[in-house]
Amino acid sequence: MTFGDAHWNPGEGDRILVAGTSASLDTIRMILATLPAKARGQVFVEVDFCDEIEQLDAPRRFSVVWLVRSSGQDLGRSVDAWLSEMLPVSGTEEHSVHAWIEADGAPRVLSSELF
């Protein structure tokens, strides 16, 4: 899949992060629909109110979390917390995540070497 100049091509063993607001639900659905059944990762969707939460089809090894702004939940904090867990700083091993984050535009690979 191509997003502008960026190519979205995570492998089966790669961890994936998809994060956005209700405004990007169509893109999130498209990304999830193109992933292999064995893909694993995390989806965060930030909405204004609970009544905006809906069912999202995702690969079985994905966790989908709806964040409700009116309850004080925040997309940026949730993404940062998840990445800090998935990209631990280690002197012996590099960790990476394929990510599409709405505010950042194009998908990219994030690495523990960046932290």
Protein backbone atom coordinates (compact mmCIF):
# COMPACT_ATOMS: atom_id res chain seq x y z
CA MET A 1 0.00 0.00 0.00
CA THR A 2 1.25 3.49 -0.75
CA PHE A 3 0.52 6.71 1.15
CA GLY A 4 1.82 9.57 -0.98
CA ASP A 5 5.57 8.92 -1.21
CA ALA A 6 5.66 6.42 1.66
CA HIS A 7 5.19 2.65 1.32
CA TRP A 8 3.34 0.69 3.98
CA ASN A 9 4.78 -2.82 3.92
CA PRO A 10 5.09 -4.32 7.40
CA GLY A 11 6.09 -7.98 7.54
CA GLU A 12 4.22 -10.70 9.44
CA GLY A 13 6.49 -10.47 12.48
CA ASP A 14 6.49 -6.69 12.71
CA ARG A 15 4.59 -4.87 15.43
CA ILE A 16 2.20 -2.23 14.06
CA LEU A 17 0.72 0.94 15.54
CA VAL A 18 -2.25 2.73 13.97
CA ALA A 19 -3.46 5.89 15.73
CA GLY A 20 -5.86 8.66 14.84
CA THR A 21 -9.07 10.48 15.59
CA SER A 22 -12.61 9.87 14.39
CA ALA A 23 -11.73 12.08 11.39
CA SER A 24 -9.35 9.39 10.12
CA LEU A 25 -11.58 6.33 10.62
CA ASP A 26 -11.76 5.61 6.88
CA THR A 27 -7.96 5.50 6.65
CA ILE A 28 -7.72 3.36 9.79
CA ARG A 29 -10.26 0.91 8.35
CA MET A 30 -8.33 0.76 5.06
CA ILE A 31 -5.04 0.04 6.86
CA LEU A 32 -6.59 -2.69 9.01
CA ALA A 33 -8.29 -4.29 6.00
CA THR A 34 -4.98 -4.63 4.15
CA LEU A 35 -3.02 -6.25 6.99
CA PRO A 36 -2.32 -9.99 6.99
CA ALA A 37 -4.36 -12.11 9.43
CA LYS A 38 -1.20 -12.79 11.49
CA ALA A 39 -0.37 -9.08 11.92
CA ARG A 40 -0.06 -7.88 15.51
CA GLY A 41 -0.26 -4.47 17.03
CA GLN A 42 -2.29 -1.66 18.52
CA VAL A 43 -4.98 0.72 17.30
CA PHE A 44 -5.85 3.92 19.16
CA VAL A 45 -8.84 6.00 18.05
CA GLU A 46 -9.63 9.26 19.85
CA VAL A 47 -13.26 10.43 19.82
CA ASP A 48 -15.09 13.28 21.53
CA PHE A 49 -17.80 11.23 23.21
CA CYS A 50 -18.61 7.58 24.04
CA ASP A 51 -21.45 7.42 21.51
CA GLU A 52 -18.88 7.66 18.68
CA ILE A 53 -17.34 4.28 19.56
CA GLU A 54 -18.05 1.58 17.00
CA GLN A 55 -16.86 -1.87 16.00
CA LEU A 56 -13.60 -1.95 14.03
CA ASP A 57 -12.52 -5.08 12.19
CA ALA A 58 -8.87 -5.78 12.96
CA PRO A 59 -6.59 -8.80 12.80
CA ARG A 60 -7.05 -11.11 15.80
CA ARG A 61 -3.70 -10.14 17.37
CA PHE A 62 -4.58 -6.44 17.47
CA SER A 63 -5.87 -4.48 20.41
CA VAL A 64 -8.30 -1.67 19.58
CA VAL A 65 -8.60 1.09 22.19
CA TRP A 66 -11.10 3.93 21.95
CA LEU A 67 -10.03 7.08 23.80
CA VAL A 68 -12.77 9.48 24.86
CA ARG A 69 -11.67 13.14 25.11
CA SER A 70 -14.61 14.11 27.30
CA SER A 71 -13.35 11.54 29.85
CA GLY A 72 -9.84 13.02 29.82
CA GLN A 73 -8.25 10.35 27.63
CA ASP A 74 -5.64 11.59 25.16
CA LEU A 75 -4.26 10.11 21.95
CA GLY A 76 -0.78 11.62 22.29
CA ARG A 77 -0.23 10.34 25.82
CA SER A 78 -1.53 6.88 24.92
CA VAL A 79 0.71 6.60 21.85
CA ASP A 80 3.75 7.79 23.83
CA ALA A 81 3.08 5.27 26.62
CA TRP A 82 2.62 2.39 24.17
CA LEU A 83 5.76 3.29 22.22
CA SER A 84 7.84 3.54 25.40
CA GLU A 85 6.81 -0.03 26.19
CA MET A 86 7.30 -1.40 22.66
CA LEU A 87 10.55 0.46 21.94
CA PRO A 88 12.64 -0.14 25.04
CA VAL A 89 16.13 1.25 25.00
CA SER A 90 18.52 -1.68 25.06
CA GLY A 91 22.25 -1.77 24.51
CA THR A 92 22.06 -5.12 22.76
CA GLU A 93 18.91 -5.12 20.66
CA GLU A 94 17.07 -2.67 18.43
CA HIS A 95 13.26 -2.70 18.48
CA SER A 96 11.04 -1.25 15.76
CA VAL A 97 7.37 -0.53 15.09
CA HIS A 98 5.63 0.20 11.79
CA ALA A 99 3.42 3.18 12.58
CA TRP A 100 0.76 5.33 11.01
CA ILE A 101 -0.17 8.20 13.30
CA GLU A 102 -2.73 10.65 11.92
CA ALA A 103 -0.89 13.80 13.01
CA ASP A 104 2.35 12.58 11.43
CA GLY A 105 0.91 11.89 7.97
CA ALA A 106 2.87 9.19 6.17
CA PRO A 107 3.55 5.77 7.71
CA ARG A 108 7.06 5.08 8.89
CA VAL A 109 9.21 2.73 10.94
CA LEU A 110 9.97 3.94 14.46
CA SER A 111 13.05 2.50 16.14
CA SER A 112 14.32 2.29 19.72
CA GLU A 113 17.48 3.96 18.42
CA LEU A 114 15.44 7.20 18.11
CA PHE A 115 14.63 7.30 21.82
